[in-house]
PDB file of all heavy atoms in Angstrom:
ATOM      1  N   PRO A   1      98.543 -16.716 -26.923  1.00  0.00           N
ATOM      2  CA  PRO A   1      99.121 -15.471 -27.436  1.00  0.00           C
ATOM      3  C   PRO A   1     100.450 -15.680 -28.166  1.00  0.00           C
ATOM      4  O   PRO A   1     100.782 -14.912 -29.076  1.00  0.00           O
ATOM      5  CB  PRO A   1      99.313 -14.627 -26.166  1.00  0.00           C
ATOM      6  CG  PRO A   1      98.268 -15.128 -25.224  1.00  0.00           C
ATOM      7  CD  PRO A   1      98.176 -16.610 -25.491  1.00  0.00           C
ATOM      8  N   SER A   2     101.194 -16.702 -27.792  1.00  0.00           N
ATOM      9  CA  SER A   2     102.480 -16.957 -28.442  1.00  0.00           C
ATOM     10  C   SER A   2     102.324 -17.455 -29.878  1.00  0.00           C
ATOM     11  O   SER A   2     103.323 -17.646 -30.576  1.00  0.00           O
ATOM     12  CB  SER A   2     103.289 -17.980 -27.634  1.00  0.00           C
ATOM     13  OG  SER A   2     102.595 -19.219 -27.540  1.00  0.00           O
ATOM     14  N   ARG A   3     101.078 -17.670 -30.323  1.00  0.00           N
ATOM     15  CA  ARG A   3     100.819 -18.107 -31.697  1.00  0.00           C
ATOM     16  C   ARG A   3     100.214 -16.994 -32.554  1.00  0.00           C
ATOM     17  O   ARG A   3      99.892 -17.227 -33.711  1.00  0.00           O
ATOM     18  CB  ARG A   3      99.833 -19.292 -31.691  1.00  0.00           C
ATOM     19  CG  ARG A   3     100.325 -20.535 -30.967  1.00  0.00           C
ATOM     20  CD  ARG A   3     101.411 -21.242 -31.758  1.00  0.00           C
ATOM     21  NE  ARG A   3     101.763 -22.506 -31.144  1.00  0.00           N
ATOM     22  CZ  ARG A   3     102.735 -22.673 -30.261  1.00  0.00           C
ATOM     23  NH1 ARG A   3     103.444 -21.621 -29.864  1.00  0.00           N
ATOM     24  NH2 ARG A   3     103.006 -23.861 -29.758  1.00  0.00           N
ATOM     25  N   ARG A   4     100.075 -15.781 -31.987  1.00  0.00           N
ATOM     26  CA  ARG A   4      99.308 -14.738 -32.660  1.00  0.00           C
ATOM     27  C   ARG A   4     100.199 -13.675 -33.299  1.00  0.00           C
ATOM     28  O   ARG A   4     100.990 -13.017 -32.624  1.00  0.00           O
ATOM     29  CB  ARG A   4      98.357 -14.063 -31.668  1.00  0.00           C
ATOM     30  CG  ARG A   4      97.334 -15.000 -31.057  1.00  0.00           C
ATOM     31  CD  ARG A   4      96.558 -14.287 -29.961  1.00  0.00           C
ATOM     32  NE  ARG A   4      95.751 -15.219 -29.173  1.00  0.00           N
ATOM     33  CZ  ARG A   4      95.279 -14.953 -27.974  1.00  0.00           C
ATOM     34  NH1 ARG A   4      95.520 -13.772 -27.412  1.00  0.00           N
ATOM     35  NH2 ARG A   4      94.563 -15.852 -27.326  1.00  0.00           N
ATOM     36  N   TRP A   5     100.054 -13.504 -34.596  1.00  0.00           N
ATOM     37  CA  TRP A   5     100.663 -12.410 -35.347  1.00  0.00           C
ATOM     38  C   TRP A   5      99.964 -11.112 -34.958  1.00  0.00           C
ATOM     39  O   TRP A   5      98.800 -11.124 -34.560  1.00  0.00           O
ATOM     40  CB  TRP A   5     100.505 -12.700 -36.822  1.00  0.00           C
ATOM     41  CG  TRP A   5     101.408 -11.969 -37.763  1.00  0.00           C
ATOM     42  CD1 TRP A   5     102.727 -11.685 -37.592  1.00  0.00           C
ATOM     43  CD2 TRP A   5     101.048 -11.469 -39.061  1.00  0.00           C
ATOM     44  NE1 TRP A   5     103.223 -11.056 -38.701  1.00  0.00           N
ATOM     45  CE2 TRP A   5     102.208 -10.903 -39.613  1.00  0.00           C
ATOM     46  CE3 TRP A   5      99.861 -11.463 -39.799  1.00  0.00           C
ATOM     47  CZ2 TRP A   5     102.218 -10.317 -40.883  1.00  0.00           C
ATOM     48  CZ3 TRP A   5      99.867 -10.895 -41.049  1.00  0.00           C
ATOM     49  CH2 TRP A   5     101.030 -10.320 -41.591  1.00  0.00           C
ATOM     50  N   GLN A   6     100.657  -9.996 -35.116  1.00  0.00           N
ATOM     51  CA  GLN A   6     100.112  -8.730 -34.622  1.00  0.00           C
ATOM     52  C   GLN A   6      98.863  -8.290 -35.392  1.00  0.00           C
ATOM     53  O   GLN A   6      98.794  -8.398 -36.620  1.00  0.00           O
ATOM     54  CB  GLN A   6     101.164  -7.623 -34.727  1.00  0.00           C
ATOM     55  CG  GLN A   6     102.368  -7.826 -33.840  1.00  0.00           C
ATOM     56  CD  GLN A   6     103.553  -8.386 -34.592  1.00  0.00           C
ATOM     57  OE1 GLN A   6     103.379  -9.211 -35.491  1.00  0.00           O
ATOM     58  NE2 GLN A   6     104.747  -7.940 -34.235  1.00  0.00           N
ATOM     59  N   PRO A   7      97.851  -7.750 -34.674  1.00  0.00           N
ATOM     60  CA  PRO A   7      96.627  -7.268 -35.331  1.00  0.00           C
ATOM     61  C   PRO A   7      96.881  -6.210 -36.391  1.00  0.00           C
ATOM     62  O   PRO A   7      96.215  -6.188 -37.429  1.00  0.00           O
ATOM     63  CB  PRO A   7      95.800  -6.701 -34.169  1.00  0.00           C
ATOM     64  CG  PRO A   7      96.279  -7.448 -32.971  1.00  0.00           C
ATOM     65  CD  PRO A   7      97.742  -7.687 -33.195  1.00  0.00           C
ATOM     66  N   GLU A   8      97.832  -5.311 -36.148  1.00  0.00           N
ATOM     67  CA  GLU A   8      98.092  -4.253 -37.133  1.00  0.00           C
ATOM     68  C   GLU A   8      98.612  -4.816 -38.457  1.00  0.00           C
ATOM     69  O   GLU A   8      98.378  -4.247 -39.528  1.00  0.00           O
ATOM     70  CB  GLU A   8      99.066  -3.209 -36.574  1.00  0.00           C
ATOM     71  CG  GLU A   8     100.436  -3.737 -36.182  1.00  0.00           C
ATOM     72  CD  GLU A   8     100.525  -4.168 -34.727  1.00  0.00           C
ATOM     73  OE1 GLU A   8      99.491  -4.590 -34.160  1.00  0.00           O
ATOM     74  OE2 GLU A   8     101.631  -4.071 -34.165  1.00  0.00           O
ATOM     75  N   LYS A   9      99.293  -5.982 -38.384  1.00  0.00           N
ATOM     76  CA  LYS A   9      99.787  -6.595 -39.618  1.00  0.00           C
ATOM     77  C   LYS A   9      98.657  -7.308 -40.357  1.00  0.00           C
ATOM     78  O   LYS A   9      98.596  -7.263 -41.589  1.00  0.00           O
ATOM     79  CB  LYS A   9     100.942  -7.531 -39.298  1.00  0.00           C
ATOM     80  CG  LYS A   9     102.176  -6.792 -38.807  1.00  0.00           C
ATOM     81  CD  LYS A   9     103.353  -7.724 -38.584  1.00  0.00           C
ATOM     82  CE  LYS A   9     104.586  -6.947 -38.161  1.00  0.00           C
ATOM     83  NZ  LYS A   9     105.750  -7.834 -37.933  1.00  0.00           N
ATOM     84  N   PHE A  10      97.768  -7.967 -39.606  1.00  0.00           N
ATOM     85  CA  PHE A  10      96.571  -8.509 -40.254  1.00  0.00           C
ATOM     86  C   PHE A  10      95.805  -7.380 -40.946  1.00  0.00           C
ATOM     87  O   PHE A  10      95.279  -7.553 -42.051  1.00  0.00           O
ATOM     88  CB  PHE A  10      95.670  -9.202 -39.230  1.00  0.00           C
ATOM     89  CG  PHE A  10      95.958 -10.657 -39.035  1.00  0.00           C
ATOM     90  CD1 PHE A  10      96.636 -11.111 -37.910  1.00  0.00           C
ATOM     91  CD2 PHE A  10      95.546 -11.604 -39.968  1.00  0.00           C
ATOM     92  CE1 PHE A  10      96.892 -12.454 -37.727  1.00  0.00           C
ATOM     93  CE2 PHE A  10      95.800 -12.959 -39.791  1.00  0.00           C
ATOM     94  CZ  PHE A  10      96.479 -13.384 -38.665  1.00  0.00           C
ATOM     95  N   ALA A  11      95.727  -6.224 -40.291  1.00  0.00           N
ATOM     96  CA  ALA A  11      94.998  -5.087 -40.856  1.00  0.00           C
ATOM     97  C   ALA A  11      95.637  -4.606 -42.150  1.00  0.00           C
ATOM     98  O   ALA A  11      94.935  -4.306 -43.130  1.00  0.00           O
ATOM     99  CB  ALA A  11      94.940  -3.954 -39.836  1.00  0.00           C
ATOM    100  N   GLN A  12      96.963  -4.519 -42.190  1.00  0.00           N
ATOM    101  CA  GLN A  12      97.634  -4.089 -43.413  1.00  0.00           C
ATOM    102  C   GLN A  12      97.355  -5.050 -44.558  1.00  0.00           C
ATOM    103  O   GLN A  12      97.109  -4.630 -45.696  1.00  0.00           O
ATOM    104  CB  GLN A  12      99.146  -3.992 -43.169  1.00  0.00           C
ATOM    105  CG  GLN A  12      99.558  -2.854 -42.271  1.00  0.00           C
ATOM    106  CD  GLN A  12     101.066  -2.831 -42.068  1.00  0.00           C
ATOM    107  OE1 GLN A  12     101.848  -2.813 -43.029  1.00  0.00           O
ATOM    108  NE2 GLN A  12     101.489  -2.859 -40.818  1.00  0.00           N
ATOM    109  N   VAL A  13      97.396  -6.344 -44.261  1.00  0.00           N
ATOM    110  CA  VAL A  13      97.108  -7.347 -45.287  1.00  0.00           C
ATOM    111  C   VAL A  13      95.672  -7.216 -45.773  1.00  0.00           C
ATOM    112  O   VAL A  13      95.394  -7.231 -46.981  1.00  0.00           O
ATOM    113  CB  VAL A  13      97.378  -8.766 -44.733  1.00  0.00           C
ATOM    114  CG1 VAL A  13      96.869  -9.830 -45.700  1.00  0.00           C
ATOM    115  CG2 VAL A  13      98.868  -8.961 -44.471  1.00  0.00           C
ATOM    116  N   ALA A  14      94.743  -7.075 -44.834  1.00  0.00           N
ATOM    117  CA  ALA A  14      93.334  -6.952 -45.202  1.00  0.00           C
ATOM    118  C   ALA A  14      93.095  -5.721 -46.072  1.00  0.00           C
ATOM    119  O   ALA A  14      92.341  -5.782 -47.061  1.00  0.00           O
ATOM    120  CB  ALA A  14      92.479  -6.892 -43.946  1.00  0.00           C
ATOM    121  N   ASP A  15      93.718  -4.612 -45.735  1.00  0.00           N
ATOM    122  CA  ASP A  15      93.531  -3.389 -46.530  1.00  0.00           C
ATOM    123  C   ASP A  15      94.057  -3.566 -47.955  1.00  0.00           C
ATOM    124  O   ASP A  15      93.421  -3.121 -48.917  1.00  0.00           O
ATOM    125  CB  ASP A  15      94.239  -2.212 -45.857  1.00  0.00           C
ATOM    126  CG  ASP A  15      93.442  -1.621 -44.701  1.00  0.00           C
ATOM    127  OD1 ASP A  15      92.207  -1.822 -44.667  1.00  0.00           O
ATOM    128  OD2 ASP A  15      94.047  -0.964 -43.838  1.00  0.00           O
ATOM    129  N   GLU A  16      95.206  -4.195 -48.107  1.00  0.00           N
ATOM    130  CA  GLU A  16      95.745  -4.411 -49.451  1.00  0.00           C
ATOM    131  C   GLU A  16      94.841  -5.326 -50.266  1.00  0.00           C
ATOM    132  O   GLU A  16      94.624  -5.105 -51.462  1.00  0.00           O
ATOM    133  CB  GLU A  16      97.160  -4.991 -49.364  1.00  0.00           C
ATOM    134  CG  GLU A  16      98.212  -4.022 -48.872  1.00  0.00           C
ATOM    135  CD  GLU A  16      98.507  -2.927 -49.889  1.00  0.00           C
ATOM    136  OE1 GLU A  16      98.126  -3.073 -51.059  1.00  0.00           O
ATOM    137  OE2 GLU A  16      99.116  -1.914 -49.500  1.00  0.00           O
ATOM    138  N   LEU A  17      94.314  -6.339 -49.623  1.00  0.00           N
ATOM    139  CA  LEU A  17      93.400  -7.242 -50.328  1.00  0.00           C
ATOM    140  C   LEU A  17      92.128  -6.499 -50.740  1.00  0.00           C
ATOM    141  O   LEU A  17      91.620  -6.682 -51.854  1.00  0.00           O
ATOM    142  CB  LEU A  17      93.041  -8.428 -49.427  1.00  0.00           C
ATOM    143  CG  LEU A  17      94.152  -9.431 -49.166  1.00  0.00           C
ATOM    144  CD1 LEU A  17      93.775 -10.353 -48.017  1.00  0.00           C
ATOM    145  CD2 LEU A  17      94.456 -10.245 -50.418  1.00  0.00           C
ATOM    146  N   ALA A  18      91.616  -5.658 -49.852  1.00  0.00           N
ATOM    147  CA  ALA A  18      90.407  -4.891 -50.168  1.00  0.00           C
ATOM    148  C   ALA A  18      90.665  -3.939 -51.328  1.00  0.00           C
ATOM    149  O   ALA A  18      89.817  -3.782 -52.215  1.00  0.00           O
ATOM    150  CB  ALA A  18      89.938  -4.129 -48.931  1.00  0.00           C
ATOM    151  N   ARG A  19      91.833  -3.305 -51.347  1.00  0.00           N
ATOM    152  CA  ARG A  19      92.153  -2.397 -52.450  1.00  0.00           C
ATOM    153  C   ARG A  19      92.290  -3.147 -53.768  1.00  0.00           C
ATOM    154  O   ARG A  19      92.110  -2.558 -54.837  1.00  0.00           O
ATOM    155  CB  ARG A  19      93.441  -1.642 -52.129  1.00  0.00           C
ATOM    156  CG  ARG A  19      93.308  -0.671 -50.951  1.00  0.00           C
ATOM    157  CD  ARG A  19      94.554   0.139 -50.739  1.00  0.00           C
ATOM    158  NE  ARG A  19      94.460   0.923 -49.507  1.00  0.00           N
ATOM    159  CZ  ARG A  19      95.151   0.692 -48.415  1.00  0.00           C
ATOM    160  NH1 ARG A  19      96.019  -0.313 -48.372  1.00  0.00           N
ATOM    161  NH2 ARG A  19      94.994   1.445 -47.345  1.00  0.00           N
ATOM    162  N   ALA A  20      92.607  -4.424 -53.692  1.00  0.00           N
ATOM    163  CA  ALA A  20      92.716  -5.244 -54.900  1.00  0.00           C
ATOM    164  C   ALA A  20      91.358  -5.767 -55.352  1.00  0.00           C
ATOM    165  O   ALA A  20      91.275  -6.463 -56.360  1.00  0.00           O
ATOM    166  CB  ALA A  20      93.661  -6.413 -54.646  1.00  0.00           C
ATOM    167  N   GLY A  21      90.300  -5.432 -54.615  1.00  0.00           N
ATOM    168  CA  GLY A  21      88.967  -5.816 -55.045  1.00  0.00           C
ATOM    169  C   GLY A  21      88.365  -6.990 -54.325  1.00  0.00           C
ATOM    170  O   GLY A  21      87.249  -7.413 -54.645  1.00  0.00           O
ATOM    171  N   TRP A  22      89.056  -7.536 -53.327  1.00  0.00           N
ATOM    172  CA  TRP A  22      88.533  -8.680 -52.584  1.00  0.00           C
ATOM    173  C   TRP A  22      87.747  -8.185 -51.385  1.00  0.00           C
ATOM    174  O   TRP A  22      88.168  -7.263 -50.696  1.00  0.00           O
ATOM    175  CB  TRP A  22      89.681  -9.569 -52.114  1.00  0.00           C
ATOM    176  CG  TRP A  22      90.512 -10.131 -53.223  1.00  0.00           C
ATOM    177  CD1 TRP A  22      91.650  -9.592 -53.740  1.00  0.00           C
ATOM    178  CD2 TRP A  22      90.261 -11.324 -53.946  1.00  0.00           C
ATOM    179  NE1 TRP A  22      92.125 -10.382 -54.751  1.00  0.00           N
ATOM    180  CE2 TRP A  22      91.289 -11.462 -54.905  1.00  0.00           C
ATOM    181  CE3 TRP A  22      89.262 -12.302 -53.887  1.00  0.00           C
ATOM    182  CZ2 TRP A  22      91.355 -12.517 -55.797  1.00  0.00           C
ATOM    183  CZ3 TRP A  22      89.331 -13.371 -54.774  1.00  0.00           C
ATOM    184  CH2 TRP A  22      90.356 -13.472 -55.712  1.00  0.00           C
ATOM    185  N   ARG A  23      86.609  -8.810 -51.111  1.00  0.00           N
ATOM    186  CA  ARG A  23      85.936  -8.578 -49.840  1.00  0.00           C
ATOM    187  C   ARG A  23      86.763  -9.248 -48.748  1.00  0.00           C
ATOM    188  O   ARG A  23      87.310 -10.332 -48.949  1.00  0.00           O
ATOM    189  CB  ARG A  23      84.521  -9.170 -49.845  1.00  0.00           C
ATOM    190  CG  ARG A  23      83.560  -8.536 -50.816  1.00  0.00           C
ATOM    191  CD  ARG A  23      83.322  -7.061 -50.541  1.00  0.00           C
ATOM    192  NE  ARG A  23      82.817  -6.774 -49.218  1.00  0.00           N
ATOM    193  CZ  ARG A  23      81.518  -6.758 -48.888  1.00  0.00           C
ATOM    194  NH1 ARG A  23      80.600  -7.041 -49.796  1.00  0.00           N
ATOM    195  NH2 ARG A  23      81.133  -6.454 -47.666  1.00  0.00           N
ATOM    196  N   THR A  24      86.833  -8.632 -47.596  1.00  0.00           N
ATOM    197  CA  THR A  24      87.573  -9.212 -46.475  1.00  0.00           C
ATOM    198  C   THR A  24      86.602  -9.540 -45.353  1.00  0.00           C
ATOM    199  O   THR A  24      85.696  -8.761 -45.038  1.00  0.00           O
ATOM    200  CB  THR A  24      88.661  -8.253 -45.967  1.00  0.00           C
ATOM    201  OG1 THR A  24      88.066  -7.003 -45.605  1.00  0.00           O
ATOM    202  CG2 THR A  24      89.715  -8.040 -47.046  1.00  0.00           C
ATOM    203  N   VAL A  25      86.787 -10.709 -44.757  1.00  0.00           N
ATOM    204  CA  VAL A  25      85.904 -11.208 -43.705  1.00  0.00           C
ATOM    205  C   VAL A  25      86.768 -11.586 -42.505  1.00  0.00           C
ATOM    206  O   VAL A  25      87.703 -12.385 -42.633  1.00  0.00           O
ATOM    207  CB  VAL A  25      85.111 -12.435 -44.189  1.00  0.00           C
ATOM    208  CG1 VAL A  25      84.191 -12.934 -43.073  1.00  0.00           C
ATOM    209  CG2 VAL A  25      84.314 -12.120 -45.449  1.00  0.00           C
ATOM    210  N   LEU A  26      86.447 -11.020 -41.351  1.00  0.00           N
ATOM    211  CA  LEU A  26      87.151 -11.373 -40.114  1.00  0.00           C
ATOM    212  C   LEU A  26      86.382 -12.477 -39.404  1.00  0.00           C
ATOM    213  O   LEU A  26      85.159 -12.403 -39.256  1.00  0.00           O
ATOM    214  CB  LEU A  26      87.271 -10.162 -39.197  1.00  0.00           C
ATOM    215  CG  LEU A  26      88.092  -8.980 -39.715  1.00  0.00           C
ATOM    216  CD1 LEU A  26      88.081  -7.844 -38.697  1.00  0.00           C
ATOM    217  CD2 LEU A  26      89.512  -9.396 -40.029  1.00  0.00           C
ATOM    218  N   THR A  27      87.105 -13.499 -38.957  1.00  0.00           N
ATOM    219  CA  THR A  27      86.484 -14.596 -38.229  1.00  0.00           C
ATOM    220  C   THR A  27      87.163 -14.776 -36.883  1.00  0.00           C
ATOM    221  O   THR A  27      88.316 -14.394 -36.690  1.00  0.00           O
ATOM    222  CB  THR A  27      86.558 -15.922 -39.018  1.00  0.00           C
ATOM    223  OG1 THR A  27      87.929 -16.318 -39.144  1.00  0.00           O
ATOM    224  CG2 THR A  27      85.954 -15.772 -40.405  1.00  0.00           C
ATOM    225  N   GLY A  28      86.427 -15.377 -35.965  1.00  0.00           N
ATOM    226  CA  GLY A  28      86.977 -15.646 -34.644  1.00  0.00           C
ATOM    227  C   GLY A  28      85.864 -16.113 -33.719  1.00  0.00           C
ATOM    228  O   GLY A  28      84.679 -15.980 -34.024  1.00  0.00           O
ATOM    229  N   THR A  29      86.246 -16.650 -32.588  1.00  0.00           N
ATOM    230  CA  THR A  29      85.270 -17.053 -31.577  1.00  0.00           C
ATOM    231  C   THR A  29      84.819 -15.831 -30.799  1.00  0.00           C
ATOM    232  O   THR A  29      85.421 -14.748 -30.880  1.00  0.00           O
ATOM    233  CB  THR A  29      85.889 -18.070 -30.611  1.00  0.00           C
ATOM    234  OG1 THR A  29      86.946 -17.420 -29.872  1.00  0.00           O
ATOM    235  CG2 THR A  29      86.472 -19.275 -31.357  1.00  0.00           C
ATOM    236  N   ALA A  30      83.754 -16.021 -30.016  1.00  0.00           N
ATOM    237  CA  ALA A  30      83.260 -14.911 -29.195  1.00  0.00           C
ATOM    238  C   ALA A  30      84.346 -14.401 -28.252  1.00  0.00           C
ATOM    239  O   ALA A  30      84.425 -13.203 -27.979  1.00  0.00           O
ATOM    240  CB  ALA A  30      82.031 -15.351 -28.406  1.00  0.00           C
ATOM    241  N   GLY A  31      85.205 -15.291 -27.780  1.00  0.00           N
ATOM    242  CA  GLY A  31      86.284 -14.900 -26.885  1.00  0.00           C
ATOM    243  C   GLY A  31      87.417 -14.167 -27.568  1.00  0.00           C
ATOM    244  O   GLY A  31      88.347 -13.700 -26.895  1.00  0.00           O
ATOM    245  N   GLU A  32      87.351 -14.046 -28.901  1.00  0.00           N
ATOM    246  CA  GLU A  32      88.409 -13.361 -29.648  1.00  0.00           C
ATOM    247  C   GLU A  32      87.960 -12.007 -30.183  1.00  0.00           C
ATOM    248  O   GLU A  32      88.596 -11.432 -31.065  1.00  0.00           O
ATOM    249  CB  GLU A  32      88.885 -14.260 -30.796  1.00  0.00           C
ATOM    250  CG  GLU A  32      89.600 -15.507 -30.308  1.00  0.00           C
ATOM    251  CD  GLU A  32      89.902 -16.531 -31.405  1.00  0.00           C
ATOM    252  OE1 GLU A  32      89.165 -16.564 -32.422  1.00  0.00           O
ATOM    253  OE2 GLU A  32      90.857 -17.293 -31.230  1.00  0.00           O
ATOM    254  N   ARG A  33      86.851 -11.478 -29.632  1.00  0.00           N
ATOM    255  CA  ARG A  33      86.330 -10.198 -30.114  1.00  0.00           C
ATOM    256  C   ARG A  33      87.349  -9.076 -29.966  1.00  0.00           C
ATOM    257  O   ARG A  33      87.426  -8.182 -30.810  1.00  0.00           O
ATOM    258  CB  ARG A  33      85.055  -9.833 -29.372  1.00  0.00           C
ATOM    259  CG  ARG A  33      83.857 -10.712 -29.704  1.00  0.00           C
ATOM    260  CD  ARG A  33      82.598 -10.171 -29.048  1.00  0.00           C
ATOM    261  NE  ARG A  33      81.500 -11.111 -29.116  1.00  0.00           N
ATOM    262  CZ  ARG A  33      80.720 -11.300 -30.176  1.00  0.00           C
ATOM    263  NH1 ARG A  33      80.955 -10.596 -31.270  1.00  0.00           N
ATOM    264  NH2 ARG A  33      79.730 -12.166 -30.150  1.00  0.00           N
ATOM    265  N   ASP A  34      88.125  -9.103 -28.885  1.00  0.00           N
ATOM    266  CA  ASP A  34      89.119  -8.040 -28.695  1.00  0.00           C
ATOM    267  C   ASP A  34      90.160  -8.077 -29.809  1.00  0.00           C
ATOM    268  O   ASP A  34      90.637  -7.022 -30.262  1.00  0.00           O
ATOM    269  CB  ASP A  34      89.798  -8.183 -27.335  1.00  0.00           C
ATOM    270  CG  ASP A  34      88.881  -7.804 -26.174  1.00  0.00           C
ATOM    271  OD1 ASP A  34      87.820  -7.224 -26.428  1.00  0.00           O
ATOM    272  OD2 ASP A  34      89.245  -8.118 -25.018  1.00  0.00           O
ATOM    273  N   LEU A  35      90.523  -9.273 -30.243  1.00  0.00           N
ATOM    274  CA  LEU A  35      91.517  -9.391 -31.305  1.00  0.00           C
ATOM    275  C   LEU A  35      90.992  -8.851 -32.629  1.00  0.00           C
ATOM    276  O   LEU A  35      91.666  -8.066 -33.308  1.00  0.00           O
ATOM    277  CB  LEU A  35      91.923 -10.861 -31.483  1.00  0.00           C
ATOM    278  CG  LEU A  35      92.964 -11.412 -30.524  1.00  0.00           C
ATOM    279  CD1 LEU A  35      93.101 -12.921 -30.722  1.00  0.00           C
ATOM    280  CD2 LEU A  35      94.314 -10.738 -30.772  1.00  0.00           C
ATOM    281  N   THR A  36      89.799  -9.288 -33.012  1.00  0.00           N
ATOM    282  CA  THR A  36      89.266  -8.818 -34.289  1.00  0.00           C
ATOM    283  C   THR A  36      88.937  -7.327 -34.226  1.00  0.00           C
ATOM    284  O   THR A  36      89.079  -6.608 -35.220  1.00  0.00           O
ATOM    285  CB  THR A  36      88.026  -9.625 -34.705  1.00  0.00           C
ATOM    286  OG1 THR A  36      87.086  -9.649 -33.628  1.00  0.00           O
ATOM    287  CG2 THR A  36      88.409 -11.042 -35.068  1.00  0.00           C
TER     288      THR A  36
END
């Protein structure tokens, strides 16, 4: 957890990228489902 940037900030970045026309893909292990 001490290496993880906040989910809401990842979300803001993803939304801006999507508005710019990029598809956004979330990745993670099965144990990271809560994070994604």
